[in-house]
PDB file of N, CA and C in Angstrom:
ATOM      1  N   UNK A   1      -6.695  -5.098 -15.856  1.00  0.00           N
ATOM      2  CA  UNK A   1      -5.111  -4.499 -14.271  1.00  0.00           C
ATOM      3  C   UNK A   1      -5.553  -5.067 -13.169  1.00  0.00           C
ATOM      4  N   UNK A   2      -6.484  -5.580 -12.421  1.00  0.00           N
ATOM      5  CA  UNK A   2      -6.838  -6.352 -11.412  1.00  0.00           C
ATOM      6  C   UNK A   2      -7.792  -6.893 -11.451  1.00  0.00           C
ATOM      7  N   UNK A   3      -8.063  -8.284 -11.029  1.00  0.00           N
ATOM      8  CA  UNK A   3      -9.586  -8.786 -11.433  1.00  0.00           C
ATOM      9  C   UNK A   3      -9.133  -9.831 -10.200  1.00  0.00           C
ATOM     10  N   UNK A   4      -9.916  -8.913  -9.136  1.00  0.00           N
ATOM     11  CA  UNK A   4     -10.149  -9.705  -7.847  1.00  0.00           C
ATOM     12  C   UNK A   4     -11.504  -9.796  -8.121  1.00  0.00           C
ATOM     13  N   UNK A   5     -11.663 -11.302  -7.423  1.00  0.00           N
ATOM     14  CA  UNK A   5     -13.573 -11.584  -7.173  1.00  0.00           C
ATOM     15  C   UNK A   5     -14.015 -11.700  -6.105  1.00  0.00           C
ATOM     16  N   UNK A   6     -15.034 -11.071  -5.559  1.00  0.00           N
ATOM     17  CA  UNK A   6     -15.540 -10.819  -4.191  1.00  0.00           C
ATOM     18  C   UNK A   6     -15.134 -11.947  -3.226  1.00  0.00           C
ATOM     19  N   UNK A   7     -15.071 -11.150  -2.215  1.00  0.00           N
ATOM     20  CA  UNK A   7     -14.287 -12.544  -0.774  1.00  0.00           C
ATOM     21  C   UNK A   7     -15.403 -12.491   0.320  1.00  0.00           C
ATOM     22  N   UNK A   8     -15.490 -13.358   0.670  1.00  0.00           N
ATOM     23  CA  UNK A   8     -16.351 -13.071   1.598  1.00  0.00           C
ATOM     24  C   UNK A   8     -15.095 -14.007   3.342  1.00  0.00           C
ATOM     25  N   UNK A   9     -15.329 -13.067   4.147  1.00  0.00           N
ATOM     26  CA  UNK A   9     -14.202 -13.155   5.104  1.00  0.00           C
ATOM     27  C   UNK A   9     -15.314 -12.704   6.669  1.00  0.00           C
ATOM     28  N   UNK A  10     -14.857 -13.795   7.774  1.00  0.00           N
ATOM     29  CA  UNK A  10     -15.502 -14.091   8.700  1.00  0.00           C
ATOM     30  C   UNK A  10     -17.231 -14.078   8.350  1.00  0.00           C
ATOM     31  N   UNK A  11     -17.639 -14.325   7.644  1.00  0.00           N
ATOM     32  CA  UNK A  11     -19.028 -14.690   7.256  1.00  0.00           C
ATOM     33  C   UNK A  11     -19.314 -13.501   6.606  1.00  0.00           C
ATOM     34  N   UNK A  12     -18.741 -12.501   6.120  1.00  0.00           N
ATOM     35  CA  UNK A  12     -19.574 -10.935   6.036  1.00  0.00           C
ATOM     36  C   UNK A  12     -18.919 -10.809   4.365  1.00  0.00           C
ATOM     37  N   UNK A  13     -19.609 -10.472   3.471  1.00  0.00           N
ATOM     38  CA  UNK A  13     -19.167 -10.068   2.108  1.00  0.00           C
ATOM     39  C   UNK A  13     -17.946  -8.393   2.253  1.00  0.00           C
ATOM     40  N   UNK A  14     -17.265  -8.976   1.279  1.00  0.00           N
ATOM     41  CA  UNK A  14     -15.751  -7.803   1.410  1.00  0.00           C
ATOM     42  C   UNK A  14     -16.067  -7.088   0.149  1.00  0.00           C
ATOM     43  N   UNK A  15     -16.245  -5.884   0.605  1.00  0.00           N
ATOM     44  CA  UNK A  15     -16.198  -5.072  -0.980  1.00  0.00           C
ATOM     45  C   UNK A  15     -15.155  -4.866  -1.848  1.00  0.00           C
ATOM     46  N   UNK A  16     -15.527  -5.312  -3.116  1.00  0.00           N
ATOM     47  CA  UNK A  16     -14.153  -5.113  -3.997  1.00  0.00           C
ATOM     48  C   UNK A  16     -14.000  -3.821  -4.316  1.00  0.00           C
ATOM     49  N   UNK A  17     -13.032  -3.060  -3.989  1.00  0.00           N
ATOM     50  CA  UNK A  17     -12.940  -1.336  -4.248  1.00  0.00           C
ATOM     51  C   UNK A  17     -11.823  -1.463  -5.946  1.00  0.00           C
ATOM     52  N   UNK A  18     -11.587  -2.720  -5.809  1.00  0.00           N
ATOM     53  CA  UNK A  18     -10.864  -2.570  -7.150  1.00  0.00           C
ATOM     54  C   UNK A  18     -11.539  -2.256  -9.018  1.00  0.00           C
ATOM     55  N   UNK A  19     -12.555  -3.155  -8.582  1.00  0.00           N
ATOM     56  CA  UNK A  19     -13.746  -2.790  -9.783  1.00  0.00           C
ATOM     57  C   UNK A  19     -14.152  -1.237 -10.185  1.00  0.00           C
ATOM     58  N   UNK A  20     -13.799  -0.559  -8.989  1.00  0.00           N
ATOM     59  CA  UNK A  20     -14.272   0.810  -9.194  1.00  0.00           C
ATOM     60  C   UNK A  20     -13.859   1.513 -10.156  1.00  0.00           C
ATOM     61  N   UNK A  21     -14.396   2.609 -10.644  1.00  0.00           N
ATOM     62  CA  UNK A  21     -13.577   3.615 -11.615  1.00  0.00           C
ATOM     63  C   UNK A  21     -12.557   4.785 -10.727  1.00  0.00           C
ATOM     64  N   UNK A  22     -13.026   4.955  -9.524  1.00  0.00           N
ATOM     65  CA  UNK A  22     -12.301   5.622  -8.515  1.00  0.00           C
ATOM     66  C   UNK A  22     -10.572   5.049  -8.574  1.00  0.00           C
ATOM     67  N   UNK A  23     -10.716   3.625  -8.073  1.00  0.00           N
ATOM     68  CA  UNK A  23      -9.570   2.839  -7.891  1.00  0.00           C
ATOM     69  C   UNK A  23      -8.465   2.723  -9.008  1.00  0.00           C
ATOM     70  N   UNK A  24      -9.406   2.541 -10.640  1.00  0.00           N
ATOM     71  CA  UNK A  24      -8.376   2.359 -11.571  1.00  0.00           C
ATOM     72  C   UNK A  24      -8.066   3.791 -12.077  1.00  0.00           C
ATOM     73  N   UNK A  25      -8.521   4.581 -11.699  1.00  0.00           N
ATOM     74  CA  UNK A  25      -8.217   6.614 -11.857  1.00  0.00           C
ATOM     75  C   UNK A  25      -7.105   6.389 -10.716  1.00  0.00           C
ATOM     76  N   UNK A  26      -6.980   6.218  -9.604  1.00  0.00           N
ATOM     77  CA  UNK A  26      -5.737   6.396  -8.549  1.00  0.00           C
ATOM     78  C   UNK A  26      -4.929   5.615  -9.224  1.00  0.00           C
ATOM     79  N   UNK A  27      -4.853   4.242  -9.737  1.00  0.00           N
ATOM     80  CA  UNK A  27      -3.832   3.587  -9.594  1.00  0.00           C
ATOM     81  C   UNK A  27      -2.859   4.049 -10.861  1.00  0.00           C
ATOM     82  N   UNK A  28      -4.385   4.452 -11.690  1.00  0.00           N
ATOM     83  CA  UNK A  28      -2.968   5.134 -13.076  1.00  0.00           C
ATOM     84  C   UNK A  28      -2.430   6.562 -12.828  1.00  0.00           C
ATOM     85  N   UNK A  29      -2.616   7.412 -11.680  1.00  0.00           N
ATOM     86  CA  UNK A  29      -2.189   8.221 -11.319  1.00  0.00           C
ATOM     87  C   UNK A  29      -0.970   8.040 -10.758  1.00  0.00           C
ATOM     88  N   UNK A  30      -0.450   7.149 -10.458  1.00  0.00           N
ATOM     89  CA  UNK A  30       0.668   6.381  -9.361  1.00  0.00           C
ATOM     90  C   UNK A  30       2.175   6.828 -10.791  1.00  0.00           C
ATOM     91  N   UNK A  31       1.297   6.618 -12.059  1.00  0.00           N
ATOM     92  CA  UNK A  31       2.378   6.908 -12.819  1.00  0.00           C
ATOM     93  C   UNK A  31       3.262   8.254 -12.489  1.00  0.00           C
ATOM     94  N   UNK A  32       2.202   9.324 -12.246  1.00  0.00           N
ATOM     95  CA  UNK A  32       2.707  10.314 -12.413  1.00  0.00           C
ATOM     96  C   UNK A  32       2.831  11.270 -11.125  1.00  0.00           C
ATOM     97  N   UNK A  33       2.464  10.284  -9.937  1.00  0.00           N
ATOM     98  CA  UNK A  33       2.968  10.874  -8.821  1.00  0.00           C
ATOM     99  C   UNK A  33       4.456  11.335  -8.098  1.00  0.00           C
ATOM    100  N   UNK A  34       4.688  12.036  -7.201  1.00  0.00           N
ATOM    101  CA  UNK A  34       5.585  12.316  -6.573  1.00  0.00           C
ATOM    102  C   UNK A  34       5.872  11.442  -5.473  1.00  0.00           C
ATOM    103  N   UNK A  35       7.760  10.906  -5.271  1.00  0.00           N
ATOM    104  CA  UNK A  35       7.940  10.091  -3.781  1.00  0.00           C
ATOM    105  C   UNK A  35       8.725  10.125  -3.346  1.00  0.00           C
ATOM    106  N   UNK A  36       9.295  10.229  -1.793  1.00  0.00           N
ATOM    107  CA  UNK A  36      10.146  10.172  -1.404  1.00  0.00           C
ATOM    108  C   UNK A  36      10.937   8.815  -0.992  1.00  0.00           C
ATOM    109  N   UNK A  37      12.174   8.335  -1.175  1.00  0.00           N
ATOM    110  CA  UNK A  37      12.462   7.171  -1.160  1.00  0.00           C
ATOM    111  C   UNK A  37      13.224   6.897   0.082  1.00  0.00           C
ATOM    112  N   UNK A  38      13.109   5.521   0.775  1.00  0.00           N
ATOM    113  CA  UNK A  38      13.206   5.032   1.723  1.00  0.00           C
ATOM    114  C   UNK A  38      13.801   4.267   2.291  1.00  0.00           C
ATOM    115  N   UNK A  39      14.216   3.382   3.197  1.00  0.00           N
ATOM    116  CA  UNK A  39      14.720   2.651   3.641  1.00  0.00           C
ATOM    117  C   UNK A  39      14.121   2.077   5.030  1.00  0.00           C
ATOM    118  N   UNK A  40      13.604   0.916   4.677  1.00  0.00           N
ATOM    119  CA  UNK A  40      12.561   0.108   5.808  1.00  0.00           C
ATOM    120  C   UNK A  40      13.819  -0.040   7.389  1.00  0.00           C
ATOM    121  N   UNK A  41      13.058   0.740   8.023  1.00  0.00           N
ATOM    122  CA  UNK A  41      14.490   0.860   9.156  1.00  0.00           C
ATOM    123  C   UNK A  41      13.849  -0.246  10.199  1.00  0.00           C
ATOM    124  N   UNK A  42      15.444  -0.871  10.852  1.00  0.00           N
ATOM    125  CA  UNK A  42      15.208  -2.144  11.634  1.00  0.00           C
ATOM    126  C   UNK A  42      13.762  -2.118  12.770  1.00  0.00           C
ATOM    127  N   UNK A  43      13.072  -3.034  13.047  1.00  0.00           N
ATOM    128  CA  UNK A  43      11.921  -2.699  13.769  1.00  0.00           C
ATOM    129  C   UNK A  43      10.579  -2.501  12.870  1.00  0.00           C
ATOM    130  N   UNK A  44      10.542  -2.372  11.456  1.00  0.00           N
ATOM    131  CA  UNK A  44       9.904  -2.019  11.208  1.00  0.00           C
ATOM    132  C   UNK A  44       9.619  -2.963   9.646  1.00  0.00           C
ATOM    133  N   UNK A  45      10.457  -4.367   9.792  1.00  0.00           N
ATOM    134  CA  UNK A  45       9.921  -5.388   8.753  1.00  0.00           C
ATOM    135  C   UNK A  45       8.731  -5.799   8.824  1.00  0.00           C
ATOM    136  N   UNK A  46       7.934  -5.996   7.382  1.00  0.00           N
ATOM    137  CA  UNK A  46       6.681  -6.438   7.174  1.00  0.00           C
ATOM    138  C   UNK A  46       5.788  -5.438   8.198  1.00  0.00           C
ATOM    139  N   UNK A  47       5.736  -4.358   8.212  1.00  0.00           N
ATOM    140  CA  UNK A  47       4.881  -3.167   9.221  1.00  0.00           C
ATOM    141  C   UNK A  47       4.534  -2.053   7.912  1.00  0.00           C
ATOM    142  N   UNK A  48       3.845  -2.283   7.392  1.00  0.00           N
ATOM    143  CA  UNK A  48       3.315  -1.370   6.187  1.00  0.00           C
ATOM    144  C   UNK A  48       2.772  -0.352   7.042  1.00  0.00           C
ATOM    145  N   UNK A  49       2.075  -1.082   8.302  1.00  0.00           N
ATOM    146  CA  UNK A  49       1.306   0.049   8.787  1.00  0.00           C
ATOM    147  C   UNK A  49       2.128   1.048   9.841  1.00  0.00           C
ATOM    148  N   UNK A  50       3.037   0.955  10.743  1.00  0.00           N
ATOM    149  CA  UNK A  50       3.985   1.586  10.955  1.00  0.00           C
ATOM    150  C   UNK A  50       4.624   2.746  10.017  1.00  0.00           C
ATOM    151  N   UNK A  51       4.881   2.085   8.638  1.00  0.00           N
ATOM    152  CA  UNK A  51       5.629   3.060   7.977  1.00  0.00           C
ATOM    153  C   UNK A  51       4.745   4.429   7.686  1.00  0.00           C
ATOM    154  N   UNK A  52       3.425   3.731   7.554  1.00  0.00           N
ATOM    155  CA  UNK A  52       2.178   4.636   7.121  1.00  0.00           C
ATOM    156  C   UNK A  52       2.382   5.558   8.289  1.00  0.00           C
ATOM    157  N   UNK A  53       2.154   5.471   9.581  1.00  0.00           N
ATOM    158  CA  UNK A  53       2.000   6.367  10.475  1.00  0.00           C
ATOM    159  C   UNK A  53       3.413   7.278  10.595  1.00  0.00           C
ATOM    160  N   UNK A  54       4.597   6.778  10.067  1.00  0.00           N
ATOM    161  CA  UNK A  54       5.822   7.354  10.315  1.00  0.00           C
ATOM    162  C   UNK A  54       5.395   8.643   8.740  1.00  0.00           C
ATOM    163  N   UNK A  55       5.618   8.137   7.811  1.00  0.00           N
ATOM    164  CA  UNK A  55       4.894   8.885   6.370  1.00  0.00           C
ATOM    165  C   UNK A  55       3.794  10.104   6.558  1.00  0.00           C
ATOM    166  N   UNK A  56       2.709   9.162   7.297  1.00  0.00           N
ATOM    167  CA  UNK A  56       1.236  10.402   7.353  1.00  0.00           C
ATOM    168  C   UNK A  56       0.461  10.585   8.376  1.00  0.00           C
ATOM    169  N   UNK A  57       0.997   9.647   9.459  1.00  0.00           N
ATOM    170  CA  UNK A  57       0.546  10.632  10.931  1.00  0.00           C
ATOM    171  C   UNK A  57      -0.724   9.365  11.192  1.00  0.00           C
ATOM    172  N   UNK A  58      -0.976   8.759  10.094  1.00  0.00           N
ATOM    173  CA  UNK A  58      -2.269   7.422  10.416  1.00  0.00           C
ATOM    174  C   UNK A  58      -1.667   6.346   9.962  1.00  0.00           C
ATOM    175  N   UNK A  59      -1.699   5.066  10.041  1.00  0.00           N
ATOM    176  CA  UNK A  59      -1.879   3.700   9.801  1.00  0.00           C
ATOM    177  C   UNK A  59      -2.400   3.247   8.722  1.00  0.00           C
ATOM    178  N   UNK A  60      -3.490   4.330   8.377  1.00  0.00           N
ATOM    179  CA  UNK A  60      -4.396   3.907   7.279  1.00  0.00           C
ATOM    180  C   UNK A  60      -4.304   3.838   6.362  1.00  0.00           C
ATOM    181  N   UNK A  61      -3.038   4.531   5.471  1.00  0.00           N
ATOM    182  CA  UNK A  61      -1.944   4.454   4.128  1.00  0.00           C
ATOM    183  C   UNK A  61      -1.456   3.163   3.901  1.00  0.00           C
ATOM    184  N   UNK A  62      -0.937   2.501   5.020  1.00  0.00           N
ATOM    185  CA  UNK A  62      -0.649   1.232   4.673  1.00  0.00           C
ATOM    186  C   UNK A  62      -0.306   0.580   3.290  1.00  0.00           C
ATOM    187  N   UNK A  63      -1.811   0.451   2.451  1.00  0.00           N
ATOM    188  CA  UNK A  63      -1.997  -0.347   1.833  1.00  0.00           C
ATOM    189  C   UNK A  63      -1.672   0.698   0.374  1.00  0.00           C
ATOM    190  N   UNK A  64      -1.216   2.518   0.507  1.00  0.00           N
ATOM    191  CA  UNK A  64      -1.137   3.070  -0.601  1.00  0.00           C
ATOM    192  C   UNK A  64       0.756   2.812  -0.433  1.00  0.00           C
ATOM    193  N   UNK A  65       1.317   2.632   0.521  1.00  0.00           N
ATOM    194  CA  UNK A  65       2.622   2.448   0.668  1.00  0.00           C
ATOM    195  C   UNK A  65       3.026   0.602  -0.481  1.00  0.00           C
ATOM    196  N   UNK A  66       2.221  -0.468  -0.344  1.00  0.00           N
ATOM    197  CA  UNK A  66       2.436  -1.514  -0.706  1.00  0.00           C
ATOM    198  C   UNK A  66       2.020  -1.355  -2.314  1.00  0.00           C
ATOM    199  N   UNK A  67       1.092  -0.258  -2.344  1.00  0.00           N
ATOM    200  CA  UNK A  67       0.758  -0.426  -3.804  1.00  0.00           C
ATOM    201  C   UNK A  67       1.780   0.455  -4.835  1.00  0.00           C
ATOM    202  N   UNK A  68       2.167   1.303  -4.171  1.00  0.00           N
ATOM    203  CA  UNK A  68       3.767   2.089  -4.721  1.00  0.00           C
ATOM    204  C   UNK A  68       4.597   1.228  -4.855  1.00  0.00           C
ATOM    205  N   UNK A  69       4.742   0.060  -3.979  1.00  0.00           N
ATOM    206  CA  UNK A  69       5.672  -0.683  -4.309  1.00  0.00           C
ATOM    207  C   UNK A  69       5.431  -1.917  -5.117  1.00  0.00           C
ATOM    208  N   UNK A  70       4.242  -2.534  -5.142  1.00  0.00           N
ATOM    209  CA  UNK A  70       3.952  -3.653  -6.047  1.00  0.00           C
ATOM    210  C   UNK A  70       4.406  -4.949  -4.971  1.00  0.00           C
ATOM    211  N   UNK A  71       3.724  -4.146  -3.548  1.00  0.00           N
ATOM    212  CA  UNK A  71       3.971  -5.370  -2.548  1.00  0.00           C
ATOM    213  C   UNK A  71       2.977  -6.057  -2.214  1.00  0.00           C
ATOM    214  N   UNK A  72       2.714  -7.483  -2.715  1.00  0.00           N
ATOM    215  CA  UNK A  72       1.302  -8.043  -2.091  1.00  0.00           C
ATOM    216  C   UNK A  72       1.535  -8.697  -0.576  1.00  0.00           C
ATOM    217  N   UNK A  73       2.281  -8.698  -0.418  1.00  0.00           N
ATOM    218  CA  UNK A  73       2.767  -9.678   1.260  1.00  0.00           C
ATOM    219  C   UNK A  73       3.538  -8.673   2.047  1.00  0.00           C
ATOM    220  N   UNK A  74       3.296  -6.982   2.734  1.00  0.00           N
ATOM    221  CA  UNK A  74       4.338  -6.896   3.217  1.00  0.00           C
ATOM    222  C   UNK A  74       5.194  -7.910   4.310  1.00  0.00           C
ATOM    223  N   UNK A  75       4.368  -9.046   4.577  1.00  0.00           N
ATOM    224  CA  UNK A  75       5.084  -9.501   5.966  1.00  0.00           C
ATOM    225  C   UNK A  75       6.388 -10.209   5.767  1.00  0.00           C
ATOM    226  N   UNK A  76       6.003 -10.394   4.377  1.00  0.00           N
ATOM    227  CA  UNK A  76       7.254 -11.153   3.796  1.00  0.00           C
ATOM    228  C   UNK A  76       7.831 -10.296   2.755  1.00  0.00           C
ATOM    229  N   UNK A  77       7.583  -9.030   2.121  1.00  0.00           N
ATOM    230  CA  UNK A  77       8.314  -8.333   1.147  1.00  0.00           C
ATOM    231  C   UNK A  77       8.689  -7.398   1.723  1.00  0.00           C
ATOM    232  N   UNK A  78       8.610  -6.652   3.108  1.00  0.00           N
ATOM    233  CA  UNK A  78       8.808  -5.310   3.201  1.00  0.00           C
ATOM    234  C   UNK A  78       9.960  -5.792   4.567  1.00  0.00           C
ATOM    235  N   UNK A  79      11.269  -5.729   3.872  1.00  0.00           N
ATOM    236  CA  UNK A  79      12.659  -5.986   4.876  1.00  0.00           C
ATOM    237  C   UNK A  79      13.426  -4.930   5.675  1.00  0.00           C
ATOM    238  N   UNK A  80      14.401  -4.895   6.396  1.00  0.00           N
ATOM    239  CA  UNK A  80      14.622  -4.013   6.944  1.00  0.00           C
ATOM    240  C   UNK A  80      15.965  -3.995   6.219  1.00  0.00           C
ATOM    241  N   UNK A  81      16.140  -2.834   5.469  1.00  0.00           N
ATOM    242  CA  UNK A  81      17.327  -1.912   4.702  1.00  0.00           C
ATOM    243  C   UNK A  81      16.502  -2.089   3.219  1.00  0.00           C
ATOM    244  N   UNK A  82      15.221  -2.336   3.384  1.00  0.00           N
ATOM    245  CA  UNK A  82      14.721  -2.069   1.624  1.00  0.00           C
ATOM    246  C   UNK A  82      14.723  -1.167   1.083  1.00  0.00           C
ATOM    247  N   UNK A  83      14.579  -0.724   0.290  1.00  0.00           N
ATOM    248  CA  UNK A  83      14.812   0.722  -0.541  1.00  0.00           C
ATOM    249  C   UNK A  83      13.258   0.483  -1.246  1.00  0.00           C
ATOM    250  N   UNK A  84      12.477   1.932  -0.672  1.00  0.00           N
ATOM    251  CA  UNK A  84      10.734   1.629  -1.203  1.00  0.00           C
ATOM    252  C   UNK A  84      10.498   2.900  -1.565  1.00  0.00           C
ATOM    253  N   UNK A  85       9.525   2.890  -1.897  1.00  0.00           N
ATOM    254  CA  UNK A  85       8.889   4.660  -2.491  1.00  0.00           C
ATOM    255  C   UNK A  85       7.784   4.973  -1.639  1.00  0.00           C
ATOM    256  N   UNK A  86       7.721   5.709  -1.086  1.00  0.00           N
ATOM    257  CA  UNK A  86       6.923   6.942   0.151  1.00  0.00           C
ATOM    258  C   UNK A  86       5.946   7.832  -1.150  1.00  0.00           C
ATOM    259  N   UNK A  87       5.045   7.546  -1.250  1.00  0.00           N
ATOM    260  CA  UNK A  87       4.225   8.746  -2.206  1.00  0.00           C
ATOM    261  C   UNK A  87       3.893   9.743  -1.316  1.00  0.00           C
ATOM    262  N   UNK A  88       3.969  10.537  -1.914  1.00  0.00           N
ATOM    263  CA  UNK A  88       4.248  12.037  -1.413  1.00  0.00           C
ATOM    264  C   UNK A  88       2.389  12.428  -2.094  1.00  0.00           C
ATOM    265  N   UNK A  89       1.761  12.367  -0.387  1.00  0.00           N
ATOM    266  CA  UNK A  89       0.141  12.886  -0.916  1.00  0.00           C
ATOM    267  C   UNK A  89      -0.712  14.175  -0.595  1.00  0.00           C
ATOM    268  N   UNK A  90      -1.126  15.098  -0.670  1.00  0.00           N
ATOM    269  CA  UNK A  90      -1.732  16.102  -0.080  1.00  0.00           C
ATOM    270  C   UNK A  90      -3.033  16.328   0.883  1.00  0.00           C
TER     271      UNK A  90
END
């Protein structure tokens, strides 16, 4: 599915969560997950963190929105007016 190598960022080793069994299980569960459909509002282009804050009350789930929409570069792919899926989580 994903084949990420370990990375070094600012001299520190970055943990590769994609190799964990939890990640693979979560990624597989996206098929059965429920979503809200939304449009990226003006002023939110490239800002998955702000979308996360609106949807979940925290900026921490920006990656979930990107994952659910196959977005690898939110700065280029999250454009105003784009239709996206917002995963419903408990």
